[in-house]
């Protein structure tokens, strides 16, 4: 992956080890309202938006190993975020591809909500502009614009509308 944030220190390479799950170090644990699980490149798109918004109430957790599924590590990590109202699995692949169904079936003791592209017969939309539109849609669902009386930078799920999760479930139809 060619991203400026995909780096490891010499110390991590020589004395560290592989981590199946990597927790978010930049959160206020007691105020976390959402835990976002993801794997791969989408993490860096989400991290960029999280940093732009200074979102310390959202834990962005990387699942680095899918099989065998790190259920014990994830369960332990989710217990830490006891005030979280929502746990999301975010992937850039279409809903019927990628890891979404595997993760959902492997992690049955947690109510997960999946955020992905619409189900498709192809893993790619074929047009760069549509890909970018879909990518923005995915990131915007995680960091939905706050349109309630609280007027936050993004929805922190504090209001009735934010807790309804209606906006997260809306999908853009590319080919109407």
Protein backbone atom coordinates (compact mmCIF):
# COMPACT_ATOMS: atom_id res chain seq x y z
CA UNK A 1 0.00 0.00 0.00
CA UNK A 2 1.45 3.35 -1.00
CA UNK A 3 0.24 5.72 1.68
CA UNK A 4 2.43 8.06 3.72
CA UNK A 5 0.91 6.78 6.98
CA UNK A 6 1.63 3.10 6.22
CA UNK A 7 4.93 2.93 8.06
CA UNK A 8 6.54 0.92 10.81
CA UNK A 9 9.46 2.00 12.94
CA UNK A 10 12.67 -0.06 13.04
CA UNK A 11 11.79 -0.95 16.64
CA UNK A 12 8.37 -2.28 15.58
CA UNK A 13 10.02 -4.42 12.91
CA UNK A 14 12.74 -5.84 15.15
CA UNK A 15 11.01 -6.27 18.53
CA UNK A 16 7.32 -6.05 17.71
CA UNK A 17 5.00 -8.71 16.42
CA UNK A 18 1.96 -9.10 14.23
CA UNK A 19 -1.21 -7.63 15.73
CA UNK A 20 -4.51 -9.17 14.63
CA UNK A 21 -6.42 -6.12 15.86
CA UNK A 22 -5.09 -2.58 16.20
CA UNK A 23 -7.03 -0.26 18.50
CA UNK A 24 -7.42 3.47 18.01
CA UNK A 25 -4.95 5.34 20.25
CA UNK A 26 -6.66 8.72 19.72
CA UNK A 27 -9.97 8.39 21.55
CA UNK A 28 -11.61 9.58 24.74
CA UNK A 29 -12.66 6.08 25.87
CA UNK A 30 -15.61 7.19 28.02
CA UNK A 31 -17.09 9.34 25.23
CA UNK A 32 -16.83 6.81 22.39
CA UNK A 33 -20.30 6.50 20.84
CA UNK A 34 -19.27 4.47 17.78
CA UNK A 35 -16.74 1.76 17.14
CA UNK A 36 -15.79 1.40 13.49
CA UNK A 37 -14.17 -1.87 12.45
CA UNK A 38 -12.46 -2.05 9.08
CA UNK A 39 -9.57 -3.59 7.22
CA UNK A 40 -7.35 -2.40 4.41
CA UNK A 41 -7.15 0.90 2.59
CA UNK A 42 -10.53 2.28 3.72
CA UNK A 43 -8.94 2.76 7.17
CA UNK A 44 -6.79 5.60 5.84
CA UNK A 45 -9.75 7.38 4.21
CA UNK A 46 -11.66 7.14 7.50
CA UNK A 47 -8.61 8.21 9.51
CA UNK A 48 -8.15 11.29 7.33
CA UNK A 49 -11.74 12.41 7.99
CA UNK A 50 -11.47 11.55 11.69
CA UNK A 51 -8.39 13.75 11.99
CA UNK A 52 -10.03 16.59 10.04
CA UNK A 53 -12.98 16.55 12.45
CA UNK A 54 -10.89 15.85 15.56
CA UNK A 55 -13.34 13.04 16.34
CA UNK A 56 -12.25 11.59 19.68
CA UNK A 57 -15.66 9.97 20.27
CA UNK A 58 -15.23 7.48 17.43
CA UNK A 59 -12.90 4.49 17.76
CA UNK A 60 -11.41 3.44 14.43
CA UNK A 61 -10.24 -0.16 14.84
CA UNK A 62 -8.22 -2.07 12.25
CA UNK A 63 -8.85 -5.77 11.87
CA UNK A 64 -5.57 -6.95 10.37
CA UNK A 65 -6.35 -10.67 10.39
CA UNK A 66 -9.65 -12.07 9.20
CA UNK A 67 -8.97 -15.79 9.52
CA UNK A 68 -8.90 -17.23 12.03
CA UNK A 69 -11.23 -14.46 13.13
CA UNK A 70 -9.86 -12.57 16.18
CA UNK A 71 -13.10 -12.83 18.15
CA UNK A 72 -11.46 -12.87 21.57
CA UNK A 73 -9.39 -9.74 20.88
CA UNK A 74 -12.35 -7.87 19.39
CA UNK A 75 -14.70 -8.85 22.21
CA UNK A 76 -12.18 -7.66 24.76
CA UNK A 77 -11.66 -4.41 22.89
CA UNK A 78 -15.40 -3.73 22.54
CA UNK A 79 -15.90 -4.20 26.30
CA UNK A 80 -13.53 -1.28 26.77
CA UNK A 81 -15.94 0.95 24.84
CA UNK A 82 -18.90 0.34 27.13
CA UNK A 83 -20.68 3.57 26.13
CA UNK A 84 -20.62 2.81 22.41
CA UNK A 85 -24.11 2.87 20.90
CA UNK A 86 -23.14 1.55 17.51
CA UNK A 87 -20.58 -0.87 16.08
CA UNK A 88 -19.96 -0.63 12.35
CA UNK A 89 -18.12 -2.80 9.85
CA UNK A 90 -16.94 -0.57 7.01
CA UNK A 91 -15.60 -1.85 3.72
CA UNK A 92 -15.11 -0.29 0.30
CA UNK A 93 -16.10 -3.48 -1.54
CA UNK A 94 -19.74 -4.09 -2.54
CA UNK A 95 -21.95 -5.59 0.16
CA UNK A 96 -21.91 -9.05 -1.45
CA UNK A 97 -18.09 -9.07 -1.66
CA UNK A 98 -15.31 -8.30 0.75
CA UNK A 99 -15.34 -9.48 4.35
CA UNK A 100 -18.74 -8.17 5.50
CA UNK A 101 -20.71 -11.45 5.57
CA UNK A 102 -17.76 -13.41 6.94
CA UNK A 103 -17.25 -10.91 9.76
CA UNK A 104 -20.98 -10.76 10.51
CA UNK A 105 -21.16 -14.57 10.72
CA UNK A 106 -17.94 -14.85 12.72
CA UNK A 107 -18.90 -12.21 15.28
CA UNK A 108 -22.48 -13.14 16.14
CA UNK A 109 -22.41 -11.88 19.72
CA UNK A 110 -22.18 -8.25 18.53
CA UNK A 111 -24.82 -6.30 16.64
CA UNK A 112 -22.85 -5.07 13.65
CA UNK A 113 -24.10 -2.66 11.04
CA UNK A 114 -22.38 -2.92 7.66
CA UNK A 115 -21.45 0.06 5.54
CA UNK A 116 -20.34 -0.73 2.00
CA UNK A 117 -21.14 -0.15 -1.63
CA UNK A 118 -24.36 -1.59 -3.02
CA UNK A 119 -24.28 -5.27 -3.94
CA UNK A 120 -22.86 -5.69 -7.42
CA UNK A 121 -21.86 -8.30 -9.96
CA UNK A 122 -18.47 -6.61 -10.24
CA UNK A 123 -15.96 -5.62 -7.56
CA UNK A 124 -15.33 -2.29 -9.32
CA UNK A 125 -17.71 0.26 -10.83
CA UNK A 126 -15.46 0.81 -13.85
CA UNK A 127 -15.38 4.61 -13.71
CA UNK A 128 -13.00 6.52 -11.47
CA UNK A 129 -15.59 9.24 -10.81
CA UNK A 130 -18.15 6.67 -9.61
CA UNK A 131 -15.53 4.99 -7.45
CA UNK A 132 -14.70 8.33 -5.80
CA UNK A 133 -18.40 9.08 -5.32
CA UNK A 134 -18.92 5.71 -3.64
CA UNK A 135 -15.85 6.18 -1.45
CA UNK A 136 -17.08 9.60 -0.29
CA UNK A 137 -20.51 8.10 0.41
CA UNK A 138 -18.99 5.41 2.64
CA UNK A 139 -16.89 7.92 4.60
CA UNK A 140 -19.84 10.34 4.86
CA UNK A 141 -22.02 7.62 6.37
CA UNK A 142 -19.52 7.10 9.17
CA UNK A 143 -19.13 10.86 9.66
CA UNK A 144 -22.67 11.93 8.82
CA UNK A 145 -23.30 15.67 8.81
CA UNK A 146 -25.08 16.83 11.96
CA UNK A 147 -28.36 18.48 11.02
CA UNK A 148 -30.03 18.62 14.42
CA UNK A 149 -30.19 21.49 16.89
CA UNK A 150 -26.81 20.47 18.39
CA UNK A 151 -24.95 21.66 15.24
CA UNK A 152 -21.85 19.50 15.71
CA UNK A 153 -19.24 18.98 12.97
CA UNK A 154 -20.65 15.49 12.44
CA UNK A 155 -23.38 13.38 14.01
CA UNK A 156 -22.27 12.02 17.36
CA UNK A 157 -25.52 10.04 17.84
CA UNK A 158 -26.60 12.31 20.71
CA UNK A 159 -29.96 13.27 19.21
CA UNK A 160 -33.02 11.19 18.34
CA UNK A 161 -32.36 11.48 14.60
CA UNK A 162 -28.74 10.37 14.98
CA UNK A 163 -29.73 7.36 17.05
CA UNK A 164 -32.30 6.26 14.46
CA UNK A 165 -29.48 5.27 12.07
CA UNK A 166 -31.76 6.04 9.10
CA UNK A 167 -29.11 8.06 7.28
CA UNK A 168 -26.53 5.28 7.60
CA UNK A 169 -28.84 2.86 5.81
CA UNK A 170 -29.59 5.14 2.84
CA UNK A 171 -27.81 4.14 -0.35
CA UNK A 172 -26.98 6.17 -3.40
CA UNK A 173 -28.22 4.44 -6.53
CA UNK A 174 -25.61 5.02 -9.20
CA UNK A 175 -27.70 3.89 -12.16
CA UNK A 176 -31.23 5.32 -11.80
